[in-house]
Amino acid sequence: MVSDRRIFIGDVHGHYDGLMKLLETIAPSQDDQVYFVGDLIDRGPKSAQVIQFVRQHGYFCVLGNHEQLLLDAFPEGDRVYQYALQAWLQSGGQNTVASYTDPELLLESIAWLRTLPPYMDLGDIWLVHAGLHPRLPIHAQTSQEFCWIREEFHSIPKPYLTIS
């Protein structure tokens, strides 16, 4: 039997064990498409394992605000931007740092996170972490809206995008 399920998982936040239980419950097959909707990292104790798992399985993933915080803290790989680093650490980044036993693996993860798109257009679904700015055309939006917007998007009275 061929499955055409699309499975969307968001805000894992370093909770690898919970992710494993979730995947055991939904039991994706090789025919299923699994998408992660950002925030793989921070807060939970096993962010490094979550990233490693998603990478090893080649799952689709878009950038979340927590990944954006990390990338802002390391704007050029191993160079640190102190102000952004403090913001990230206070937003759960301390747990992410603690989950890495090898600093090189953290740098490798940062390089991979830089490859994540801020959105994916699946044809019938537009996948972003947070939402879209309802008063901006799609071409004028940035990862700031895709990763961070909340109230303006959630309070719009009709869908931003419609399929014709």
Protein backbone atom coordinates (compact mmCIF):
# COMPACT_ATOMS: atom_id res chain seq x y z
CA MET A 1 0.00 0.00 0.00
CA VAL A 2 1.42 3.37 -1.03
CA SER A 3 0.93 6.14 1.47
CA ASP A 4 0.66 9.75 0.52
CA ARG A 5 0.77 11.10 4.04
CA ARG A 6 2.51 14.33 4.71
CA ILE A 7 3.51 14.60 8.33
CA PHE A 8 4.30 18.01 9.81
CA ILE A 9 6.19 18.29 13.09
CA GLY A 10 6.96 21.58 14.76
CA ASP A 11 8.72 22.88 17.82
CA VAL A 12 10.62 19.81 18.95
CA HIS A 13 12.87 22.11 21.01
CA GLY A 14 15.54 19.53 21.74
CA HIS A 15 13.15 16.91 23.09
CA TYR A 16 14.63 13.96 21.22
CA ASP A 17 12.98 11.29 23.37
CA GLY A 18 9.54 12.84 22.85
CA LEU A 19 10.21 13.02 19.11
CA MET A 20 11.10 9.32 19.05
CA LYS A 21 7.86 8.46 20.87
CA LEU A 22 5.87 10.61 18.45
CA LEU A 23 7.46 8.96 15.42
CA GLU A 24 6.91 5.52 16.93
CA THR A 25 3.23 6.37 17.35
CA ILE A 26 2.65 7.74 13.85
CA ALA A 27 5.04 5.20 12.27
CA PRO A 28 5.96 6.99 9.05
CA SER A 29 6.64 4.69 6.13
CA GLN A 30 9.26 5.25 3.45
CA ASP A 31 6.48 6.63 1.25
CA ASP A 32 5.47 9.28 3.78
CA GLN A 33 6.89 12.76 3.57
CA VAL A 34 8.02 14.16 6.91
CA TYR A 35 8.44 17.91 7.34
CA PHE A 36 9.83 19.75 10.34
CA VAL A 37 8.46 23.24 10.80
CA GLY A 38 11.38 24.78 12.69
CA ASP A 39 12.51 25.02 16.29
CA LEU A 40 14.40 21.76 16.39
CA ILE A 41 16.65 23.22 19.08
CA ASP A 42 16.71 24.93 22.48
CA ARG A 43 14.97 24.35 25.79
CA GLY A 44 15.15 20.52 25.78
CA PRO A 45 18.27 18.52 26.66
CA LYS A 46 19.04 16.84 23.31
CA SER A 47 19.12 19.43 20.52
CA ALA A 48 22.28 17.91 19.02
CA GLN A 49 20.56 14.53 18.73
CA VAL A 50 17.45 16.08 17.17
CA ILE A 51 19.50 17.84 14.49
CA GLN A 52 21.55 14.72 13.84
CA PHE A 53 18.40 12.62 13.48
CA VAL A 54 16.68 15.03 11.07
CA ARG A 55 19.85 15.34 8.98
CA GLN A 56 20.52 11.59 8.85
CA HIS A 57 17.00 10.89 7.63
CA GLY A 58 17.04 13.72 5.09
CA TYR A 59 13.75 15.10 6.38
CA PHE A 60 12.50 18.39 5.00
CA CYS A 61 12.85 21.29 7.40
CA VAL A 62 12.25 25.03 7.45
CA LEU A 63 13.95 27.56 9.65
CA GLY A 64 12.37 28.45 13.00
CA ASN A 65 12.98 31.44 15.21
CA HIS A 66 15.23 29.44 17.56
CA GLU A 67 17.47 28.39 14.68
CA GLN A 68 17.48 32.02 13.53
CA LEU A 69 18.60 33.12 17.01
CA LEU A 70 21.51 30.66 16.83
CA LEU A 71 22.50 31.77 13.33
CA ASP A 72 22.38 35.42 14.44
CA ALA A 73 24.77 34.55 17.29
CA PHE A 74 27.25 33.01 14.84
CA PRO A 75 26.96 35.20 11.74
CA GLU A 76 30.10 33.83 10.08
CA GLY A 77 30.50 30.28 11.30
CA ASP A 78 32.75 30.40 14.33
CA ARG A 79 32.74 34.21 14.79
CA VAL A 80 30.47 35.18 17.68
CA TYR A 81 28.21 38.23 17.87
CA GLN A 82 28.00 38.72 21.65
CA TYR A 83 24.68 40.58 21.82
CA ALA A 84 22.91 37.95 19.72
CA LEU A 85 24.68 35.15 21.61
CA GLN A 86 23.27 36.41 24.92
CA ALA A 87 19.77 36.64 23.43
CA TRP A 88 20.02 33.08 22.11
CA LEU A 89 21.43 31.66 25.36
CA GLN A 90 18.61 33.29 27.34
CA SER A 91 16.04 31.81 24.94
CA GLY A 92 17.06 28.21 25.59
CA GLY A 93 20.38 28.11 23.77
CA GLN A 94 22.23 27.04 26.92
CA ASN A 95 20.58 23.64 26.66
CA THR A 96 21.59 23.38 23.02
CA VAL A 97 25.23 24.18 23.82
CA ALA A 98 25.19 21.61 26.64
CA SER A 99 23.91 18.93 24.24
CA TYR A 100 27.07 19.17 22.12
CA THR A 101 30.12 17.32 23.44
CA ASP A 102 32.22 18.39 20.45
CA PRO A 103 32.39 22.07 19.40
CA GLU A 104 33.11 20.97 15.82
CA LEU A 105 29.75 19.21 15.70
CA LEU A 106 28.05 22.43 16.81
CA LEU A 107 29.79 24.31 13.98
CA GLU A 108 28.73 21.57 11.56
CA SER A 109 25.14 21.90 12.75
CA ILE A 110 25.28 25.67 12.33
CA ALA A 111 26.50 25.21 8.75
CA TRP A 112 23.60 22.82 8.08
CA LEU A 113 21.07 25.18 9.67
CA ARG A 114 22.26 27.89 7.27
CA THR A 115 21.03 25.71 4.40
CA LEU A 116 17.45 25.56 5.70
CA PRO A 117 14.93 27.57 3.74
CA PRO A 118 12.70 30.05 5.57
CA TYR A 119 9.67 28.56 3.78
CA MET A 120 8.60 25.78 1.42
CA ASP A 121 5.91 25.99 -1.23
CA LEU A 122 4.37 22.52 -1.48
CA GLY A 123 1.78 23.59 -4.03
CA ASP A 124 -1.25 23.25 -1.79
CA ILE A 125 0.53 24.19 1.44
CA TRP A 126 2.89 27.06 2.13
CA LEU A 127 5.10 25.92 4.99
CA VAL A 128 6.63 28.44 7.39
CA HIS A 129 7.42 28.38 11.07
CA ALA A 130 5.36 31.31 12.33
CA GLY A 131 3.27 32.83 9.53
CA LEU A 132 3.08 35.52 6.90
CA HIS A 133 2.57 39.26 7.23
CA PRO A 134 -1.00 39.83 6.04
CA ARG A 135 -0.29 43.31 4.67
CA LEU A 136 2.88 42.49 2.71
CA PRO A 137 3.08 40.79 -0.67
CA ILE A 138 4.84 37.44 -0.54
CA HIS A 139 7.91 38.73 -2.43
CA ALA A 140 8.45 41.46 0.19
CA GLN A 141 8.50 39.09 3.16
CA THR A 142 11.65 37.96 4.90
CA SER A 143 12.66 35.27 7.34
CA GLN A 144 11.76 37.79 10.05
CA GLU A 145 8.07 37.38 9.21
CA PHE A 146 8.32 33.66 8.45
CA CYS A 147 10.08 32.92 11.76
CA TRP A 148 8.65 35.47 14.18
CA ILE A 149 5.25 36.91 13.22
CA ARG A 150 2.41 35.97 15.51
CA GLU A 151 -0.54 38.22 16.34
CA GLU A 152 -0.87 39.96 12.96
CA PHE A 153 -0.94 36.62 11.15
CA HIS A 154 -3.14 34.74 13.61
CA SER A 155 -5.75 37.48 13.71
CA ILE A 156 -6.41 37.82 9.97
CA PRO A 157 -10.07 37.15 9.15
CA LYS A 158 -9.46 35.14 5.96
CA PRO A 159 -6.63 32.98 4.63
CA TYR A 160 -3.61 34.84 3.29
CA LEU A 161 -3.13 32.35 0.46
CA THR A 162 -5.84 30.55 -1.44
CA ILE A 163 -5.47 27.80 -4.00
CA SER A 164 -7.15 28.41 -7.30
